[in-house]
Amino acid sequence: MMKDKQMGSAKMIKLAVIVAICGVIAVGIALLPRGFKDDLSVVGQGLGSVVLTHNKELAGSLTMMELLNKVRTDYEETINFLAVDVHTPIGRNFMQQQNVGSVALVMFDPAGARHAVFTNGISERELRTTLDKILSL
């Protein structure tokens, strides 16, 4: 009888752990930036590209995301808007290759050459000017 209770408790603990893990995954997915892809293979494929190194834990990263969302609809036909989560292998590799931190906008021209990097404090006007320059290359 005691063994049955212990087995029942072990099953309940396992179930609770599984539910907690699923909950953490669901919250992580919900916090990913909306409308941004992380497919870096499109960089240099004919459109300019903006890659945000995204860290949902930092206010600067969220500010950059809001700024991109303000201009994105005006440029989405001609610029790839990408975001890489800094806590994933894709994000860590990108940061290392580009020598940037966890809050950065890295802008590439249509051929894939790095054109500009902003770490914070960029205005909407400055962002639009840089995007327009990338489009004219």
N, C-alpha and C. Protein backbone atom coordinates (compact mmCIF):
# COMPACT_ATOMS: atom_id res chain seq x y z
N MET A 1 0.82 -1.19 0.00
CA MET A 1 0.00 0.00 0.00
C MET A 1 0.86 1.26 0.00
N MET A 2 1.91 1.25 0.82
CA MET A 2 2.82 2.40 0.89
C MET A 2 3.54 2.59 -0.43
N LYS A 3 3.90 1.47 -1.07
CA LYS A 3 4.59 1.52 -2.36
C LYS A 3 3.70 2.14 -3.42
N ASP A 4 2.41 1.84 -3.39
CA ASP A 4 1.47 2.41 -4.34
C ASP A 4 1.38 3.93 -4.20
N LYS A 5 1.37 4.41 -2.94
CA LYS A 5 1.34 5.86 -2.70
C LYS A 5 2.60 6.52 -3.22
N GLN A 6 3.75 5.89 -2.99
CA GLN A 6 5.02 6.45 -3.45
C GLN A 6 5.05 6.49 -4.98
N MET A 7 4.55 5.42 -5.62
CA MET A 7 4.53 5.39 -7.08
C MET A 7 3.57 6.46 -7.61
N GLY A 8 2.46 6.63 -6.94
CA GLY A 8 1.51 7.66 -7.34
C GLY A 8 2.10 9.05 -7.20
N SER A 9 2.84 9.28 -6.12
CA SER A 9 3.49 10.57 -5.92
C SER A 9 4.56 10.80 -6.98
N ALA A 10 5.32 9.78 -7.31
CA ALA A 10 6.36 9.92 -8.33
C ALA A 10 5.73 10.25 -9.68
N LYS A 11 4.60 9.62 -9.99
CA LYS A 11 3.91 9.92 -11.25
C LYS A 11 3.40 11.35 -11.26
N MET A 12 2.88 11.81 -10.15
CA MET A 12 2.39 13.19 -10.06
C MET A 12 3.54 14.18 -10.22
N ILE A 13 4.68 13.89 -9.65
CA ILE A 13 5.84 14.77 -9.78
C ILE A 13 6.29 14.81 -11.24
N LYS A 14 6.35 13.65 -11.88
CA LYS A 14 6.74 13.61 -13.29
C LYS A 14 5.76 14.42 -14.14
N LEU A 15 4.48 14.25 -13.88
CA LEU A 15 3.46 14.99 -14.61
C LEU A 15 3.62 16.49 -14.39
N ALA A 16 3.86 16.89 -13.16
CA ALA A 16 4.04 18.32 -12.85
C ALA A 16 5.26 18.89 -13.57
N VAL A 17 6.34 18.12 -13.62
CA VAL A 17 7.55 18.56 -14.32
C VAL A 17 7.28 18.72 -15.82
N ILE A 18 6.58 17.76 -16.40
CA ILE A 18 6.25 17.82 -17.83
C ILE A 18 5.37 19.03 -18.12
N VAL A 19 4.38 19.27 -17.28
CA VAL A 19 3.49 20.43 -17.46
C VAL A 19 4.29 21.73 -17.33
N ALA A 20 5.21 21.80 -16.37
CA ALA A 20 6.03 23.00 -16.18
C ALA A 20 6.91 23.25 -17.39
N ILE A 21 7.53 22.20 -17.91
CA ILE A 21 8.39 22.34 -19.09
C ILE A 21 7.56 22.84 -20.28
N CYS A 22 6.40 22.24 -20.48
CA CYS A 22 5.52 22.69 -21.58
C CYS A 22 5.12 24.15 -21.39
N GLY A 23 4.87 24.54 -20.17
CA GLY A 23 4.51 25.93 -19.89
C GLY A 23 5.64 26.88 -20.21
N VAL A 24 6.86 26.53 -19.85
CA VAL A 24 8.03 27.36 -20.15
C VAL A 24 8.20 27.49 -21.66
N ILE A 25 8.06 26.40 -22.39
CA ILE A 25 8.18 26.43 -23.85
C ILE A 25 7.09 27.32 -24.45
N ALA A 26 5.87 27.20 -23.97
CA ALA A 26 4.77 28.01 -24.49
C ALA A 26 5.01 29.50 -24.24
N VAL A 27 5.50 29.85 -23.06
CA VAL A 27 5.79 31.25 -22.75
C VAL A 27 6.92 31.75 -23.66
N GLY A 28 7.94 30.93 -23.86
CA GLY A 28 9.05 31.31 -24.75
C GLY A 28 8.57 31.58 -26.16
N ILE A 29 7.71 30.74 -26.66
CA ILE A 29 7.17 30.93 -28.01
C ILE A 29 6.32 32.20 -28.06
N ALA A 30 5.54 32.44 -27.03
CA ALA A 30 4.69 33.63 -27.00
C ALA A 30 5.51 34.91 -26.97
N LEU A 31 6.71 34.87 -26.42
CA LEU A 31 7.53 36.07 -26.32
C LEU A 31 8.41 36.32 -27.54
N LEU A 32 8.41 35.40 -28.49
CA LEU A 32 9.20 35.62 -29.70
C LEU A 32 8.61 36.79 -30.48
N PRO A 33 9.48 37.54 -31.15
CA PRO A 33 8.96 38.66 -31.93
C PRO A 33 8.03 38.20 -33.04
N ARG A 34 6.93 38.89 -33.23
CA ARG A 34 5.95 38.53 -34.25
C ARG A 34 6.36 39.09 -35.61
N GLY A 35 6.21 38.27 -36.63
CA GLY A 35 6.43 38.73 -37.99
C GLY A 35 7.87 38.79 -38.44
N PHE A 36 8.78 38.38 -37.60
CA PHE A 36 10.19 38.38 -37.95
C PHE A 36 10.64 36.94 -38.13
N LYS A 37 11.36 36.68 -39.19
CA LYS A 37 11.91 35.35 -39.42
C LYS A 37 13.34 35.31 -38.90
N ASP A 38 13.87 34.10 -38.73
CA ASP A 38 15.27 33.97 -38.32
C ASP A 38 16.10 33.25 -39.38
N ASP A 39 15.60 33.21 -40.60
CA ASP A 39 16.29 32.53 -41.70
C ASP A 39 17.36 33.43 -42.31
N LEU A 40 18.57 33.33 -41.77
CA LEU A 40 19.66 34.20 -42.21
C LEU A 40 20.14 33.88 -43.62
N SER A 41 19.67 32.79 -44.20
CA SER A 41 20.09 32.43 -45.55
C SER A 41 19.57 33.42 -46.59
N VAL A 42 18.59 34.26 -46.24
CA VAL A 42 18.06 35.23 -47.19
C VAL A 42 18.95 36.46 -47.32
N VAL A 43 19.88 36.63 -46.38
CA VAL A 43 20.80 37.78 -46.45
C VAL A 43 21.66 37.62 -47.70
N GLY A 44 21.71 38.68 -48.50
CA GLY A 44 22.52 38.66 -49.72
C GLY A 44 21.85 38.02 -50.91
N GLN A 45 20.54 37.78 -50.80
CA GLN A 45 19.81 37.13 -51.90
C GLN A 45 18.97 38.12 -52.70
N GLY A 46 19.43 39.37 -52.80
CA GLY A 46 18.76 40.34 -53.66
C GLY A 46 17.99 41.44 -52.95
N LEU A 47 17.67 41.25 -51.68
CA LEU A 47 17.02 42.30 -50.90
C LEU A 47 17.95 42.74 -49.79
N GLY A 48 17.80 44.00 -49.37
CA GLY A 48 18.51 44.42 -48.17
C GLY A 48 17.98 43.64 -46.99
N SER A 49 18.75 43.56 -45.92
CA SER A 49 18.31 42.81 -44.74
C SER A 49 18.69 43.56 -43.46
N VAL A 50 17.80 43.49 -42.50
CA VAL A 50 18.05 44.02 -41.17
C VAL A 50 17.90 42.84 -40.21
N VAL A 51 18.95 42.60 -39.42
CA VAL A 51 18.90 41.52 -38.45
C VAL A 51 18.98 42.13 -37.05
N LEU A 52 17.99 41.83 -36.25
CA LEU A 52 17.97 42.27 -34.86
C LEU A 52 18.45 41.11 -33.99
N THR A 53 19.48 41.36 -33.19
CA THR A 53 19.82 40.37 -32.17
C THR A 53 18.87 40.65 -31.02
N HIS A 54 17.98 39.71 -30.76
CA HIS A 54 16.86 39.94 -29.86
C HIS A 54 17.06 39.22 -28.54
N ASN A 55 16.98 40.00 -27.46
CA ASN A 55 17.04 39.46 -26.11
C ASN A 55 15.83 40.01 -25.36
N LYS A 56 14.82 39.18 -25.20
CA LYS A 56 13.56 39.62 -24.60
C LYS A 56 13.72 40.10 -23.16
N GLU A 57 14.88 39.83 -22.57
CA GLU A 57 15.13 40.23 -21.18
C GLU A 57 15.67 41.65 -21.06
N LEU A 58 16.02 42.27 -22.19
CA LEU A 58 16.62 43.60 -22.16
C LEU A 58 15.70 44.64 -22.78
N ALA A 59 15.50 45.73 -22.07
CA ALA A 59 14.62 46.80 -22.55
C ALA A 59 15.11 47.36 -23.88
N GLY A 60 16.42 47.48 -24.06
CA GLY A 60 16.97 48.01 -25.31
C GLY A 60 16.56 47.18 -26.51
N SER A 61 16.51 45.89 -26.34
CA SER A 61 16.12 45.00 -27.42
C SER A 61 14.64 45.19 -27.76
N LEU A 62 13.82 45.34 -26.75
CA LEU A 62 12.39 45.56 -26.97
C LEU A 62 12.15 46.91 -27.64
N THR A 63 12.94 47.92 -27.28
CA THR A 63 12.84 49.24 -27.90
C THR A 63 13.20 49.15 -29.38
N MET A 64 14.28 48.41 -29.69
CA MET A 64 14.68 48.23 -31.09
C MET A 64 13.57 47.52 -31.87
N MET A 65 12.94 46.53 -31.26
CA MET A 65 11.85 45.80 -31.91
C MET A 65 10.69 46.75 -32.21
N GLU A 66 10.34 47.59 -31.26
CA GLU A 66 9.26 48.56 -31.46
C GLU A 66 9.59 49.51 -32.61
N LEU A 67 10.85 49.95 -32.66
CA LEU A 67 11.27 50.85 -33.73
C LEU A 67 11.16 50.17 -35.09
N LEU A 68 11.61 48.94 -35.17
CA LEU A 68 11.49 48.20 -36.44
C LEU A 68 10.03 48.02 -36.83
N ASN A 69 9.19 47.78 -35.87
CA ASN A 69 7.76 47.61 -36.17
C ASN A 69 7.13 48.89 -36.72
N LYS A 70 7.66 50.05 -36.31
CA LYS A 70 7.15 51.33 -36.81
C LYS A 70 7.42 51.50 -38.30
N VAL A 71 8.56 51.01 -38.77
CA VAL A 71 8.95 51.26 -40.16
C VAL A 71 8.75 50.05 -41.07
N ARG A 72 8.55 48.92 -40.50
CA ARG A 72 8.54 47.67 -41.26
C ARG A 72 7.53 47.65 -42.40
N THR A 73 6.34 48.14 -42.18
CA THR A 73 5.33 48.06 -43.23
C THR A 73 5.71 48.90 -44.46
N ASP A 74 6.50 49.94 -44.26
CA ASP A 74 6.93 50.78 -45.38
C ASP A 74 8.04 50.14 -46.20
N TYR A 75 8.73 49.15 -45.64
CA TYR A 75 9.90 48.56 -46.30
C TYR A 75 9.80 47.05 -46.53
N GLU A 76 8.74 46.42 -46.07
CA GLU A 76 8.71 44.96 -46.07
C GLU A 76 8.78 44.32 -47.46
N GLU A 77 8.49 45.06 -48.51
CA GLU A 77 8.61 44.51 -49.86
C GLU A 77 10.05 44.52 -50.37
N THR A 78 10.89 45.34 -49.75
CA THR A 78 12.25 45.53 -50.27
C THR A 78 13.35 45.23 -49.27
N ILE A 79 12.98 44.99 -48.02
CA ILE A 79 13.95 44.70 -46.95
C ILE A 79 13.48 43.47 -46.19
N ASN A 80 14.40 42.54 -45.95
CA ASN A 80 14.11 41.40 -45.08
C ASN A 80 14.28 41.85 -43.63
N PHE A 81 13.26 41.68 -42.83
CA PHE A 81 13.35 41.99 -41.41
C PHE A 81 13.48 40.67 -40.65
N LEU A 82 14.63 40.48 -40.04
CA LEU A 82 14.95 39.22 -39.37
C LEU A 82 15.27 39.48 -37.90
N ALA A 83 15.03 38.50 -37.08
CA ALA A 83 15.39 38.59 -35.66
C ALA A 83 15.95 37.24 -35.24
N VAL A 84 17.06 37.28 -34.53
CA VAL A 84 17.64 36.06 -33.99
C VAL A 84 17.65 36.16 -32.47
N ASP A 85 17.17 35.14 -31.83
CA ASP A 85 17.14 35.08 -30.37
C ASP A 85 18.56 34.79 -29.89
N VAL A 86 19.07 35.66 -29.03
CA VAL A 86 20.46 35.53 -28.58
C VAL A 86 20.69 34.29 -27.71
N HIS A 87 19.62 33.64 -27.30
CA HIS A 87 19.74 32.45 -26.45
C HIS A 87 19.71 31.16 -27.26
N THR A 88 19.73 31.27 -28.57
CA THR A 88 19.71 30.09 -29.44
C THR A 88 21.06 29.96 -30.15
N PRO A 89 21.37 28.78 -30.66
CA PRO A 89 22.62 28.63 -31.41
C PRO A 89 22.70 29.58 -32.62
N ILE A 90 21.59 29.78 -33.33
CA ILE A 90 21.59 30.70 -34.48
C ILE A 90 21.97 32.10 -34.01
N GLY A 91 21.35 32.56 -32.94
CA GLY A 91 21.64 33.89 -32.41
C GLY A 91 23.06 34.04 -31.92
N ARG A 92 23.54 33.05 -31.17
CA ARG A 92 24.92 33.12 -30.65
C ARG A 92 25.93 33.11 -31.79
N ASN A 93 25.70 32.27 -32.81
CA ASN A 93 26.61 32.22 -33.96
C ASN A 93 26.61 33.55 -34.70
N PHE A 94 25.43 34.12 -34.91
CA PHE A 94 25.34 35.40 -35.61
C PHE A 94 26.10 36.48 -34.84
N MET A 95 25.89 36.56 -33.53
CA MET A 95 26.57 37.58 -32.72
C MET A 95 28.09 37.41 -32.82
N GLN A 96 28.54 36.18 -32.77
CA GLN A 96 29.98 35.94 -32.85
C GLN A 96 30.52 36.31 -34.24
N GLN A 97 29.84 35.89 -35.29
CA GLN A 97 30.30 36.20 -36.65
C GLN A 97 30.32 37.69 -36.93
N GLN A 98 29.33 38.40 -36.42
CA GLN A 98 29.21 39.84 -36.69
C GLN A 98 29.87 40.70 -35.62
N ASN A 99 30.37 40.06 -34.56
CA ASN A 99 31.03 40.76 -33.46
C ASN A 99 30.11 41.84 -32.87
N VAL A 100 28.89 41.42 -32.52
CA VAL A 100 27.92 42.33 -31.91
C VAL A 100 27.40 41.70 -30.62
N GLY A 101 26.76 42.53 -29.82
CA GLY A 101 26.20 42.06 -28.56
C GLY A 101 24.74 41.66 -28.70
N SER A 102 24.09 41.56 -27.55
CA SER A 102 22.73 41.03 -27.54
C SER A 102 21.66 42.07 -27.83
N VAL A 103 22.05 43.31 -28.10
CA VAL A 103 21.12 44.33 -28.56
C VAL A 103 21.79 45.04 -29.72
N ALA A 104 21.45 44.62 -30.94
CA ALA A 104 22.07 45.23 -32.12
C ALA A 104 21.15 45.08 -33.33
N LEU A 105 21.22 46.07 -34.20
CA LEU A 105 20.62 45.99 -35.53
C LEU A 105 21.79 45.94 -36.50
N VAL A 106 21.85 44.88 -37.28
CA VAL A 106 22.90 44.74 -38.28
C VAL A 106 22.22 44.82 -39.63
N MET A 107 22.69 45.76 -40.46
CA MET A 107 22.04 45.99 -41.75
C MET A 107 22.96 45.59 -42.89
N PHE A 108 22.37 44.87 -43.84
CA PHE A 108 23.10 44.35 -44.98
C PHE A 108 22.51 44.89 -46.27
N ASP A 109 23.39 45.14 -47.25
CA ASP A 109 22.89 45.57 -48.56
C ASP A 109 22.37 44.35 -49.32
N PRO A 110 21.77 44.56 -50.49
CA PRO A 110 21.18 43.43 -51.23
C PRO A 110 22.17 42.33 -51.59
N ALA A 111 23.46 42.66 -51.69
CA ALA A 111 24.48 41.65 -52.00
C ALA A 111 24.96 40.91 -50.76
N GLY A 112 24.55 41.36 -49.58
CA GLY A 112 24.93 40.69 -48.34
C GLY A 112 26.09 41.32 -47.61
N ALA A 113 26.60 42.46 -48.11
CA ALA A 113 27.69 43.15 -47.42
C ALA A 113 27.12 43.92 -46.23
N ARG A 114 27.82 43.84 -45.12
CA ARG A 114 27.36 44.56 -43.93
C ARG A 114 27.48 46.06 -44.19
N HIS A 115 26.40 46.76 -43.97
CA HIS A 115 26.34 48.18 -44.29
C HIS A 115 26.41 49.05 -43.02
N ALA A 116 25.72 48.64 -41.97
CA ALA A 116 25.68 49.45 -40.75
C ALA A 116 25.32 48.58 -39.55
N VAL A 117 25.73 49.05 -38.37
CA VAL A 117 25.38 48.39 -37.11
C VAL A 117 24.97 49.48 -36.13
N PHE A 118 23.84 49.25 -35.48
CA PHE A 118 23.37 50.15 -34.44
C PHE A 118 23.16 49.33 -33.18
N THR A 119 23.67 49.83 -32.05
CA THR A 119 23.52 49.09 -30.81
C THR A 119 22.41 49.65 -29.93
N ASN A 120 22.14 50.92 -30.01
CA ASN A 120 20.98 51.53 -29.35
C ASN A 120 20.97 53.01 -29.64
N GLY A 121 19.90 53.67 -29.26
CA GLY A 121 19.83 55.10 -29.43
C GLY A 121 19.57 55.56 -30.86
N ILE A 122 19.19 54.68 -31.76
CA ILE A 122 18.89 55.07 -33.13
C ILE A 122 17.47 55.63 -33.19
N SER A 123 17.32 56.73 -33.92
CA SER A 123 16.00 57.32 -34.07
C SER A 123 15.30 56.71 -35.28
N GLU A 124 13.99 56.92 -35.36
CA GLU A 124 13.25 56.41 -36.51
C GLU A 124 13.76 57.06 -37.79
N ARG A 125 14.05 58.34 -37.73
CA ARG A 125 14.55 59.06 -38.91
C ARG A 125 15.89 58.48 -39.37
N GLU A 126 16.79 58.22 -38.43
CA GLU A 126 18.10 57.65 -38.77
C GLU A 126 17.94 56.25 -39.35
N LEU A 127 17.03 55.47 -38.80
CA LEU A 127 16.77 54.13 -39.32
C LEU A 127 16.25 54.21 -40.75
N ARG A 128 15.28 55.08 -40.99
CA ARG A 128 14.72 55.23 -42.34
C ARG A 128 15.79 55.70 -43.33
N THR A 129 16.63 56.64 -42.93
CA THR A 129 17.70 57.12 -43.80
C THR A 129 18.66 55.99 -44.17
N THR A 130 19.01 55.17 -43.19
CA THR A 130 19.92 54.04 -43.45
C THR A 130 19.25 53.01 -44.35
N LEU A 131 17.98 52.72 -44.12
CA LEU A 131 17.27 51.77 -44.97
C LEU A 131 17.19 52.29 -46.41
N ASP A 132 16.95 53.58 -46.57
CA ASP A 132 16.90 54.17 -47.90
C ASP A 132 18.26 54.08 -48.60
N LYS A 133 19.33 54.25 -47.85
CA LYS A 133 20.67 54.12 -48.43
C LYS A 133 20.92 52.68 -48.90
N ILE A 134 20.49 51.72 -48.10
CA ILE A 134 20.66 50.32 -48.47
C ILE A 134 19.89 50.03 -49.77
N LEU A 135 18.72 50.61 -49.90
CA LEU A 135 17.90 50.38 -51.10
C LEU A 135 18.51 51.01 -52.34
N SER A 136 19.30 52.05 -52.16
CA SER A 136 19.90 52.74 -53.31
C SER A 136 21.20 52.09 -53.77
N LEU A 137 21.70 51.11 -53.03
CA LEU A 137 22.97 50.46 -53.40
C LEU A 137 22.78 49.47 -54.54
